[in-house]
Amino acid sequence: MIIEHAWLPVTPGREDEFASAIAAALPLIESAPGCHGAEVRRQIENPSTFLLVVRWTSVEDHMNFRASELFESWRRHTHPFYESPASVTHFSEVLAR
C-alpha cells in the first residue's frame, strides 16, 4: 500500500466553497479501483491550504485513476478552487521500527 500526499493551495476566500466541493468529490476518488480511502485536512497555520491523503494499492492504481473519467469529474469539482497547481507525491510503506 502506498500513500498519495497532495498539497492543495486554495484561493483565499474560497475555502468554504472548496470544502463543500471536495466533500462531494471524495466518493469519486474512493470509488476508483485500488483506492482504500481518502481524507482531507485543513492546515492550521494557513487555512487556505488543504492536504489530501489517499491510500492506494500502488502508484499504478493512482495513475490509472488520473487517466479515467472519474478523475475528470474530480477535476471539475476541485480544480477551479486552486490558487496554483497541487503538489502530489507518493510515499512507500511504513518503515520498520
Protein backbone atom coordinates (compact mmCIF):
# COMPACT_ATOMS: atom_id res chain seq x y z
CA MET A 1 0.00 0.00 0.00
CA ILE A 2 1.23 3.49 -0.83
CA ILE A 3 0.08 6.93 0.28
CA GLU A 4 -0.61 9.82 -2.10
CA HIS A 5 0.04 13.19 -0.48
CA ALA A 6 -1.44 16.19 -2.31
CA TRP A 7 -0.86 19.76 -1.11
CA LEU A 8 -3.89 21.78 -2.26
CA PRO A 9 -3.43 25.59 -2.30
CA VAL A 10 -6.95 27.05 -2.39
CA THR A 11 -7.64 30.62 -3.48
CA PRO A 12 -8.11 32.71 -0.31
CA GLY A 13 -11.76 33.46 0.31
CA ARG A 14 -12.94 30.26 -1.42
CA GLU A 15 -12.11 27.81 1.35
CA ASP A 16 -15.72 27.10 2.36
CA GLU A 17 -16.75 26.55 -1.27
CA PHE A 18 -13.81 24.22 -1.72
CA ALA A 19 -14.65 22.26 1.43
CA SER A 20 -18.15 21.64 0.10
CA ALA A 21 -16.87 20.69 -3.36
CA ILE A 22 -14.25 18.27 -2.10
CA ALA A 23 -16.74 16.62 0.27
CA ALA A 24 -18.88 15.89 -2.79
CA ALA A 25 -15.83 14.74 -4.79
CA LEU A 26 -14.29 12.33 -2.26
CA PRO A 27 -16.68 9.49 -3.19
CA LEU A 28 -15.34 9.74 -6.77
CA ILE A 29 -11.76 9.05 -5.78
CA GLU A 30 -12.80 6.44 -3.22
CA SER A 31 -14.71 4.52 -5.91
CA ALA A 32 -11.59 4.17 -8.07
CA PRO A 33 -10.08 0.68 -8.36
CA GLY A 34 -7.17 0.32 -5.95
CA CYS A 35 -8.27 3.17 -3.66
CA HIS A 36 -8.50 2.24 0.01
CA GLY A 37 -9.82 5.56 1.33
CA ALA A 38 -9.12 9.26 1.28
CA GLU A 39 -9.26 12.17 3.67
CA VAL A 40 -8.74 15.92 3.51
CA ARG A 41 -7.36 18.12 6.26
CA ARG A 42 -7.10 21.89 6.54
CA GLN A 43 -3.83 23.46 7.62
CA ILE A 44 -3.99 25.41 10.89
CA GLU A 45 -1.23 27.91 10.08
CA ASN A 46 -2.62 28.74 6.63
CA PRO A 47 -6.34 27.91 6.35
CA SER A 48 -6.19 28.25 2.55
CA THR A 49 -4.01 25.14 2.36
CA PHE A 50 -5.51 21.66 2.43
CA LEU A 51 -3.89 18.23 2.49
CA LEU A 52 -5.38 15.29 0.59
CA VAL A 53 -4.18 11.87 1.71
CA VAL A 54 -5.21 8.84 -0.35
CA ARG A 55 -4.33 5.19 0.28
CA TRP A 56 -3.71 3.27 -2.96
CA THR A 57 -2.69 -0.30 -3.64
CA SER A 58 0.02 1.04 -5.98
CA VAL A 59 1.21 4.15 -7.81
CA GLU A 60 -0.12 2.49 -10.97
CA ASP A 61 -3.63 2.46 -9.49
CA HIS A 62 -3.32 6.19 -8.83
CA MET A 63 -2.08 6.83 -12.38
CA ASN A 64 -4.95 4.75 -13.79
CA PHE A 65 -7.37 6.93 -11.81
CA ARG A 66 -5.74 10.06 -13.25
CA ALA A 67 -6.33 8.69 -16.77
CA SER A 68 -10.00 7.95 -16.09
CA GLU A 69 -13.31 9.76 -16.42
CA LEU A 70 -13.56 9.63 -12.63
CA PHE A 71 -10.53 11.93 -12.47
CA GLU A 72 -12.12 14.32 -14.97
CA SER A 73 -15.16 14.52 -12.68
CA TRP A 74 -12.84 15.02 -9.69
CA ARG A 75 -11.06 17.82 -11.57
CA ARG A 76 -14.34 19.58 -12.40
CA HIS A 77 -15.31 19.57 -8.71
CA THR A 78 -11.99 20.62 -7.17
CA HIS A 79 -9.56 22.29 -9.56
CA PRO A 80 -11.45 25.59 -10.05
CA PHE A 81 -10.59 26.44 -6.43
CA TYR A 82 -6.80 26.04 -6.65
CA GLU A 83 -4.69 29.17 -6.46
CA SER A 84 -1.80 27.24 -8.04
CA PRO A 85 -1.35 23.62 -9.14
CA ALA A 86 -1.49 20.93 -6.49
CA SER A 87 1.76 19.28 -5.47
CA VAL A 88 1.39 15.47 -5.49
CA THR A 89 3.88 12.92 -4.16
CA HIS A 90 3.77 9.26 -3.16
CA PHE A 91 5.09 7.56 -0.04
CA SER A 92 6.04 3.92 0.41
CA GLU A 93 5.04 1.64 3.24
CA VAL A 94 5.85 2.43 6.86
CA LEU A 95 9.48 1.80 7.75
CA ALA A 96 10.28 -0.92 10.27
CA ARG A 97 10.81 0.17 13.84
